């Protein structure tokens, strides 16, 4: 598992040295890749893929927005 730890460490270092612009570019890149991959899903499997993607979206969006809300409403010291 040492390789996994090194990969996570690299991710942490990259995030620490990145700005919101870097993360925005990463999101556009991943979204574009998702669209390209989605175009190759056979028509008969698209409904299943949509359900899976919707579940992943909900499972990730809700905690992210909860954290954003918590940060936005915390007292400024």
PDB file of N, CA and C in Angstrom:
ATOM      1  N   UNK A   1       0.818  -1.200   0.000  1.00  0.00           N
ATOM      2  CA  UNK A   1       0.000   0.000   0.000  1.00  0.00           C
ATOM      3  C   UNK A   1       0.862   1.266   0.000  1.00  0.00           C
ATOM      4  N   UNK A   2       2.167   1.101  -0.062  1.00  0.00           N
ATOM      5  CA  UNK A   2       3.039   2.254  -0.048  1.00  0.00           C
ATOM      6  C   UNK A   2       2.833   3.134  -1.277  1.00  0.00           C
ATOM      7  N   UNK A   3       2.552   2.519  -2.416  1.00  0.00           N
ATOM      8  CA  UNK A   3       2.327   3.288  -3.641  1.00  0.00           C
ATOM      9  C   UNK A   3       1.069   4.141  -3.518  1.00  0.00           C
ATOM     10  N   UNK A   4       0.045   3.599  -2.893  1.00  0.00           N
ATOM     11  CA  UNK A   4      -1.199   4.359  -2.692  1.00  0.00           C
ATOM     12  C   UNK A   4      -0.928   5.566  -1.798  1.00  0.00           C
ATOM     13  N   UNK A   5      -0.184   5.364  -0.724  1.00  0.00           N
ATOM     14  CA  UNK A   5       0.142   6.465   0.182  1.00  0.00           C
ATOM     15  C   UNK A   5       0.933   7.545  -0.539  1.00  0.00           C
ATOM     16  N   UNK A   6       1.866   7.139  -1.398  1.00  0.00           N
ATOM     17  CA  UNK A   6       2.651   8.108  -2.157  1.00  0.00           C
ATOM     18  C   UNK A   6       1.758   8.884  -3.119  1.00  0.00           C
ATOM     19  N   UNK A   7       0.795   8.210  -3.721  1.00  0.00           N
ATOM     20  CA  UNK A   7      -0.125   8.873  -4.639  1.00  0.00           C
ATOM     21  C   UNK A   7      -1.002   9.887  -3.899  1.00  0.00           C
ATOM     22  N   UNK A   8      -1.502   9.504  -2.725  1.00  0.00           N
ATOM     23  CA  UNK A   8      -2.300  10.427  -1.922  1.00  0.00           C
ATOM     24  C   UNK A   8      -1.461  11.616  -1.449  1.00  0.00           C
ATOM     25  N   UNK A   9      -0.214  11.363  -1.084  1.00  0.00           N
ATOM     26  CA  UNK A   9       0.679  12.441  -0.673  1.00  0.00           C
ATOM     27  C   UNK A   9       0.903  13.414  -1.831  1.00  0.00           C
ATOM     28  N   UNK A  10       1.107  12.882  -3.020  1.00  0.00           N
ATOM     29  CA  UNK A  10       1.261  13.727  -4.203  1.00  0.00           C
ATOM     30  C   UNK A  10       0.006  14.570  -4.430  1.00  0.00           C
ATOM     31  N   UNK A  11      -1.160  13.966  -4.273  1.00  0.00           N
ATOM     32  CA  UNK A  11      -2.410  14.709  -4.412  1.00  0.00           C
ATOM     33  C   UNK A  11      -2.529  15.832  -3.396  1.00  0.00           C
ATOM     34  N   UNK A  12      -2.140  15.562  -2.177  1.00  0.00           N
ATOM     35  CA  UNK A  12      -2.176  16.594  -1.130  1.00  0.00           C
ATOM     36  C   UNK A  12      -1.222  17.749  -1.456  1.00  0.00           C
ATOM     37  N   UNK A  13      -0.031  17.421  -1.931  1.00  0.00           N
ATOM     38  CA  UNK A  13       0.933  18.463  -2.275  1.00  0.00           C
ATOM     39  C   UNK A  13       0.452  19.278  -3.471  1.00  0.00           C
ATOM     40  N   UNK A  14      -0.136  18.605  -4.453  1.00  0.00           N
ATOM     41  CA  UNK A  14      -0.671  19.313  -5.625  1.00  0.00           C
ATOM     42  C   UNK A  14      -1.790  20.263  -5.205  1.00  0.00           C
ATOM     43  N   UNK A  15      -2.677  19.791  -4.358  1.00  0.00           N
ATOM     44  CA  UNK A  15      -3.798  20.617  -3.908  1.00  0.00           C
ATOM     45  C   UNK A  15      -3.300  21.828  -3.121  1.00  0.00           C
ATOM     46  N   UNK A  16      -2.287  21.627  -2.315  1.00  0.00           N
ATOM     47  CA  UNK A  16      -1.755  22.727  -1.507  1.00  0.00           C
ATOM     48  C   UNK A  16      -1.134  23.818  -2.378  1.00  0.00           C
ATOM     49  N   UNK A  17      -0.630  23.444  -3.543  1.00  0.00           N
ATOM     50  CA  UNK A  17       0.031  24.409  -4.420  1.00  0.00           C
ATOM     51  C   UNK A  17      -0.885  24.906  -5.534  1.00  0.00           C
ATOM     52  N   UNK A  18      -2.171  24.567  -5.479  1.00  0.00           N
ATOM     53  CA  UNK A  18      -3.106  24.929  -6.538  1.00  0.00           C
ATOM     54  C   UNK A  18      -4.054  26.020  -6.085  1.00  0.00           C
ATOM     55  N   UNK A  19      -4.583  26.736  -7.056  1.00  0.00           N
ATOM     56  CA  UNK A  19      -5.585  27.763  -6.772  1.00  0.00           C
ATOM     57  C   UNK A  19      -6.943  27.258  -7.247  1.00  0.00           C
ATOM     58  N   UNK A  20      -7.961  28.059  -7.018  1.00  0.00           N
ATOM     59  CA  UNK A  20      -9.302  27.678  -7.469  1.00  0.00           C
ATOM     60  C   UNK A  20      -9.327  27.542  -8.985  1.00  0.00           C
ATOM     61  N   UNK A  21      -8.483  28.284  -9.676  1.00  0.00           N
ATOM     62  CA  UNK A  21      -8.441  28.205 -11.137  1.00  0.00           C
ATOM     63  C   UNK A  21      -7.958  26.838 -11.601  1.00  0.00           C
ATOM     64  N   UNK A  22      -6.969  26.287 -10.898  1.00  0.00           N
ATOM     65  CA  UNK A  22      -6.480  24.949 -11.232  1.00  0.00           C
ATOM     66  C   UNK A  22      -7.579  23.907 -11.045  1.00  0.00           C
ATOM     67  N   UNK A  23      -8.335  24.054  -9.967  1.00  0.00           N
ATOM     68  CA  UNK A  23      -9.422  23.101  -9.716  1.00  0.00           C
ATOM     69  C   UNK A  23     -10.545  23.263 -10.735  1.00  0.00           C
ATOM     70  N   UNK A  24     -10.808  24.500 -11.162  1.00  0.00           N
ATOM     71  CA  UNK A  24     -11.821  24.723 -12.196  1.00  0.00           C
ATOM     72  C   UNK A  24     -11.398  24.060 -13.505  1.00  0.00           C
ATOM     73  N   UNK A  25     -10.139  24.215 -13.876  1.00  0.00           N
ATOM     74  CA  UNK A  25      -9.643  23.557 -15.089  1.00  0.00           C
ATOM     75  C   UNK A  25      -9.745  22.043 -14.981  1.00  0.00           C
ATOM     76  N   UNK A  26      -9.430  21.508 -13.807  1.00  0.00           N
ATOM     77  CA  UNK A  26      -9.532  20.065 -13.595  1.00  0.00           C
ATOM     78  C   UNK A  26     -10.966  19.598 -13.767  1.00  0.00           C
ATOM     79  N   UNK A  27     -11.912  20.360 -13.252  1.00  0.00           N
ATOM     80  CA  UNK A  27     -13.327  19.984 -13.378  1.00  0.00           C
ATOM     81  C   UNK A  27     -13.790  20.030 -14.826  1.00  0.00           C
ATOM     82  N   UNK A  28     -13.378  21.064 -15.572  1.00  0.00           N
ATOM     83  CA  UNK A  28     -13.729  21.120 -16.991  1.00  0.00           C
ATOM     84  C   UNK A  28     -13.133  19.937 -17.751  1.00  0.00           C
ATOM     85  N   UNK A  29     -11.898  19.597 -17.429  1.00  0.00           N
ATOM     86  CA  UNK A  29     -11.236  18.468 -18.071  1.00  0.00           C
ATOM     87  C   UNK A  29     -11.991  17.171 -17.799  1.00  0.00           C
ATOM     88  N   UNK A  30     -12.332  16.921 -16.546  1.00  0.00           N
ATOM     89  CA  UNK A  30     -13.036  15.693 -16.188  1.00  0.00           C
ATOM     90  C   UNK A  30     -14.438  15.648 -16.766  1.00  0.00           C
ATOM     91  N   UNK A  31     -15.111  16.792 -16.794  1.00  0.00           N
ATOM     92  CA  UNK A  31     -16.445  16.848 -17.382  1.00  0.00           C
ATOM     93  C   UNK A  31     -16.375  16.515 -18.865  1.00  0.00           C
ATOM     94  N   UNK A  32     -15.420  17.090 -19.558  1.00  0.00           N
ATOM     95  CA  UNK A  32     -15.263  16.813 -20.989  1.00  0.00           C
ATOM     96  C   UNK A  32     -14.962  15.350 -21.238  1.00  0.00           C
ATOM     97  N   UNK A  33     -14.099  14.773 -20.405  1.00  0.00           N
ATOM     98  CA  UNK A  33     -13.789  13.352 -20.553  1.00  0.00           C
ATOM     99  C   UNK A  33     -15.033  12.508 -20.313  1.00  0.00           C
ATOM    100  N   UNK A  34     -15.837  12.888 -19.349  1.00  0.00           N
ATOM    101  CA  UNK A  34     -17.075  12.163 -19.078  1.00  0.00           C
ATOM    102  C   UNK A  34     -18.046  12.214 -20.244  1.00  0.00           C
ATOM    103  N   UNK A  35     -18.137  13.369 -20.887  1.00  0.00           N
ATOM    104  CA  UNK A  35     -19.014  13.490 -22.056  1.00  0.00           C
ATOM    105  C   UNK A  35     -18.523  12.587 -23.175  1.00  0.00           C
ATOM    106  N   UNK A  36     -17.222  12.602 -23.417  1.00  0.00           N
ATOM    107  CA  UNK A  36     -16.657  11.753 -24.475  1.00  0.00           C
ATOM    108  C   UNK A  36     -16.914  10.278 -24.170  1.00  0.00           C
ATOM    109  N   UNK A  37     -16.674   9.859 -22.953  1.00  0.00           N
ATOM    110  CA  UNK A  37     -16.927   8.459 -22.574  1.00  0.00           C
ATOM    111  C   UNK A  37     -18.405   8.142 -22.717  1.00  0.00           C
ATOM    112  N   UNK A  38     -19.253   9.077 -22.285  1.00  0.00           N
ATOM    113  CA  UNK A  38     -20.693   8.858 -22.377  1.00  0.00           C
ATOM    114  C   UNK A  38     -21.193   8.668 -23.798  1.00  0.00           C
ATOM    115  N   UNK A  39     -20.525   9.273 -24.736  1.00  0.00           N
ATOM    116  CA  UNK A  39     -20.933   9.129 -26.137  1.00  0.00           C
ATOM    117  C   UNK A  39     -20.706   7.707 -26.655  1.00  0.00           C
ATOM    118  N   UNK A  40     -19.860   6.962 -25.974  1.00  0.00           N
ATOM    119  CA  UNK A  40     -19.570   5.600 -26.392  1.00  0.00           C
ATOM    120  C   UNK A  40     -20.407   4.550 -25.665  1.00  0.00           C
ATOM    121  N   UNK A  41     -21.245   4.965 -24.743  1.00  0.00           N
ATOM    122  CA  UNK A  41     -22.113   4.020 -24.035  1.00  0.00           C
ATOM    123  C   UNK A  41     -23.233   3.609 -24.988  1.00  0.00           C
ATOM    124  N   UNK A  42     -23.411   2.313 -25.197  1.00  0.00           N
ATOM    125  CA  UNK A  42     -24.495   1.871 -26.084  1.00  0.00           C
ATOM    126  C   UNK A  42     -25.854   2.370 -25.573  1.00  0.00           C
ATOM    127  N   UNK A  43     -26.724   2.680 -26.506  1.00  0.00           N
ATOM    128  CA  UNK A  43     -28.025   3.261 -26.178  1.00  0.00           C
ATOM    129  C   UNK A  43     -28.794   2.422 -25.152  1.00  0.00           C
ATOM    130  N   UNK A  44     -28.706   1.120 -25.241  1.00  0.00           N
ATOM    131  CA  UNK A  44     -29.477   0.262 -24.329  1.00  0.00           C
ATOM    132  C   UNK A  44     -28.943   0.288 -22.894  1.00  0.00           C
ATOM    133  N   UNK A  45     -27.737   0.821 -22.684  1.00  0.00           N
ATOM    134  CA  UNK A  45     -27.161   0.872 -21.333  1.00  0.00           C
ATOM    135  C   UNK A  45     -27.117   2.288 -20.766  1.00  0.00           C
ATOM    136  N   UNK A  46     -27.594   3.260 -21.506  1.00  0.00           N
ATOM    137  CA  UNK A  46     -27.496   4.656 -21.061  1.00  0.00           C
ATOM    138  C   UNK A  46     -28.327   4.943 -19.818  1.00  0.00           C
ATOM    139  N   UNK A  47     -29.477   4.315 -19.680  1.00  0.00           N
ATOM    140  CA  UNK A  47     -30.312   4.554 -18.499  1.00  0.00           C
ATOM    141  C   UNK A  47     -29.603   4.077 -17.231  1.00  0.00           C
ATOM    142  N   UNK A  48     -28.948   2.911 -17.309  1.00  0.00           N
ATOM    143  CA  UNK A  48     -28.202   2.403 -16.152  1.00  0.00           C
ATOM    144  C   UNK A  48     -27.031   3.325 -15.820  1.00  0.00           C
ATOM    145  N   UNK A  49     -26.345   3.790 -16.856  1.00  0.00           N
ATOM    146  CA  UNK A  49     -25.216   4.695 -16.643  1.00  0.00           C
ATOM    147  C   UNK A  49     -25.702   6.001 -16.007  1.00  0.00           C
ATOM    148  N   UNK A  50     -26.831   6.507 -16.460  1.00  0.00           N
ATOM    149  CA  UNK A  50     -27.391   7.729 -15.897  1.00  0.00           C
ATOM    150  C   UNK A  50     -27.718   7.554 -14.421  1.00  0.00           C
ATOM    151  N   UNK A  51     -28.315   6.433 -14.067  1.00  0.00           N
ATOM    152  CA  UNK A  51     -28.642   6.175 -12.653  1.00  0.00           C
ATOM    153  C   UNK A  51     -27.378   6.111 -11.804  1.00  0.00           C
ATOM    154  N   UNK A  52     -26.376   5.428 -12.300  1.00  0.00           N
ATOM    155  CA  UNK A  52     -25.112   5.332 -11.565  1.00  0.00           C
ATOM    156  C   UNK A  52     -24.452   6.694 -11.396  1.00  0.00           C
ATOM    157  N   UNK A  53     -24.430   7.460 -12.469  1.00  0.00           N
ATOM    158  CA  UNK A  53     -23.828   8.795 -12.413  1.00  0.00           C
ATOM    159  C   UNK A  53     -24.609   9.721 -11.489  1.00  0.00           C
ATOM    160  N   UNK A  54     -25.925   9.626 -11.520  1.00  0.00           N
ATOM    161  CA  UNK A  54     -26.750  10.457 -10.636  1.00  0.00           C
ATOM    162  C   UNK A  54     -26.482  10.110  -9.172  1.00  0.00           C
ATOM    163  N   UNK A  55     -26.301   8.836  -8.879  1.00  0.00           N
ATOM    164  CA  UNK A  55     -26.011   8.416  -7.505  1.00  0.00           C
ATOM    165  C   UNK A  55     -24.652   8.948  -7.049  1.00  0.00           C
ATOM    166  N   UNK A  56     -23.646   8.854  -7.911  1.00  0.00           N
ATOM    167  CA  UNK A  56     -22.316   9.368  -7.571  1.00  0.00           C
ATOM    168  C   UNK A  56     -22.376  10.882  -7.397  1.00  0.00           C
ATOM    169  N   UNK A  57     -23.106  11.562  -8.275  1.00  0.00           N
ATOM    170  CA  UNK A  57     -23.249  13.018  -8.158  1.00  0.00           C
ATOM    171  C   UNK A  57     -23.862  13.389  -6.809  1.00  0.00           C
ATOM    172  N   UNK A  58     -24.954  12.752  -6.446  1.00  0.00           N
ATOM    173  CA  UNK A  58     -25.610  13.063  -5.174  1.00  0.00           C
ATOM    174  C   UNK A  58     -24.698  12.750  -3.987  1.00  0.00           C
ATOM    175  N   UNK A  59     -23.995  11.625  -4.069  1.00  0.00           N
ATOM    176  CA  UNK A  59     -23.134  11.214  -2.962  1.00  0.00           C
ATOM    177  C   UNK A  59     -21.938  12.144  -2.782  1.00  0.00           C
ATOM    178  N   UNK A  60     -21.542  12.843  -3.826  1.00  0.00           N
ATOM    179  CA  UNK A  60     -20.409  13.756  -3.715  1.00  0.00           C
ATOM    180  C   UNK A  60     -20.841  15.213  -3.577  1.00  0.00           C
ATOM    181  N   UNK A  61     -21.907  15.606  -4.232  1.00  0.00           N
ATOM    182  CA  UNK A  61     -22.354  17.002  -4.220  1.00  0.00           C
ATOM    183  C   UNK A  61     -22.862  17.411  -2.842  1.00  0.00           C
ATOM    184  N   UNK A  62     -23.622  16.559  -2.212  1.00  0.00           N
ATOM    185  CA  UNK A  62     -24.209  16.907  -0.914  1.00  0.00           C
ATOM    186  C   UNK A  62     -23.127  17.196   0.137  1.00  0.00           C
ATOM    187  N   UNK A  63     -22.124  16.320   0.305  1.00  0.00           N
ATOM    188  CA  UNK A  63     -21.084  16.652   1.291  1.00  0.00           C
ATOM    189  C   UNK A  63     -20.267  17.896   0.911  1.00  0.00           C
ATOM    190  N   UNK A  64     -20.015  18.082  -0.381  1.00  0.00           N
ATOM    191  CA  UNK A  64     -19.268  19.269  -0.805  1.00  0.00           C
ATOM    192  C   UNK A  64     -20.035  20.546  -0.494  1.00  0.00           C
ATOM    193  N   UNK A  65     -21.325  20.557  -0.767  1.00  0.00           N
ATOM    194  CA  UNK A  65     -22.126  21.751  -0.495  1.00  0.00           C
ATOM    195  C   UNK A  65     -22.330  21.955   0.999  1.00  0.00           C
ATOM    196  N   UNK A  66     -22.404  20.873   1.761  1.00  0.00           N
ATOM    197  CA  UNK A  66     -22.505  21.005   3.218  1.00  0.00           C
ATOM    198  C   UNK A  66     -21.246  21.659   3.773  1.00  0.00           C
ATOM    199  N   UNK A  67     -20.086  21.268   3.251  1.00  0.00           N
ATOM    200  CA  UNK A  67     -18.835  21.884   3.689  1.00  0.00           C
ATOM    201  C   UNK A  67     -18.792  23.350   3.282  1.00  0.00           C
ATOM    202  N   UNK A  68     -19.209  23.670   2.058  1.00  0.00           N
ATOM    203  CA  UNK A  68     -19.239  25.056   1.605  1.00  0.00           C
ATOM    204  C   UNK A  68     -20.162  25.890   2.498  1.00  0.00           C
ATOM    205  N   UNK A  69     -21.320  25.367   2.821  1.00  0.00           N
ATOM    206  CA  UNK A  69     -22.265  26.074   3.692  1.00  0.00           C
ATOM    207  C   UNK A  69     -21.648  26.308   5.072  1.00  0.00           C
ATOM    208  N   UNK A  70     -21.001  25.277   5.604  1.00  0.00           N
ATOM    209  CA  UNK A  70     -20.367  25.384   6.925  1.00  0.00           C
ATOM    210  C   UNK A  70     -19.282  26.469   6.911  1.00  0.00           C
ATOM    211  N   UNK A  71     -18.473  26.512   5.856  1.00  0.00           N
ATOM    212  CA  UNK A  71     -17.417  27.515   5.750  1.00  0.00           C
ATOM    213  C   UNK A  71     -18.017  28.912   5.584  1.00  0.00           C
ATOM    214  N   UNK A  72     -19.059  29.016   4.762  1.00  0.00           N
ATOM    215  CA  UNK A  72     -19.673  30.320   4.499  1.00  0.00           C
ATOM    216  C   UNK A  72     -20.365  30.899   5.715  1.00  0.00           C
ATOM    217  N   UNK A  73     -20.852  30.054   6.605  1.00  0.00           N
ATOM    218  CA  UNK A  73     -21.600  30.545   7.758  1.00  0.00           C
ATOM    219  C   UNK A  73     -20.793  30.595   9.047  1.00  0.00           C
ATOM    220  N   UNK A  74     -19.551  30.158   9.014  1.00  0.00           N
ATOM    221  CA  UNK A  74     -18.772  30.210  10.255  1.00  0.00           C
ATOM    222  C   UNK A  74     -18.413  31.650  10.568  1.00  0.00           C
ATOM    223  N   UNK A  75     -18.252  31.912  11.840  1.00  0.00           N
ATOM    224  CA  UNK A  75     -17.920  33.266  12.285  1.00  0.00           C
ATOM    225  C   UNK A  75     -16.530  33.642  11.800  1.00  0.00           C
ATOM    226  N   UNK A  76     -16.428  34.842  11.307  1.00  0.00           N
ATOM    227  CA  UNK A  76     -15.130  35.364  10.884  1.00  0.00           C
ATOM    228  C   UNK A  76     -14.445  35.929  12.113  1.00  0.00           C
ATOM    229  N   UNK A  77     -13.256  35.448  12.352  1.00  0.00           N
ATOM    230  CA  UNK A  77     -12.526  35.887  13.561  1.00  0.00           C
ATOM    231  C   UNK A  77     -11.511  36.938  13.238  1.00  0.00           C
TER     232      UNK A  77
END
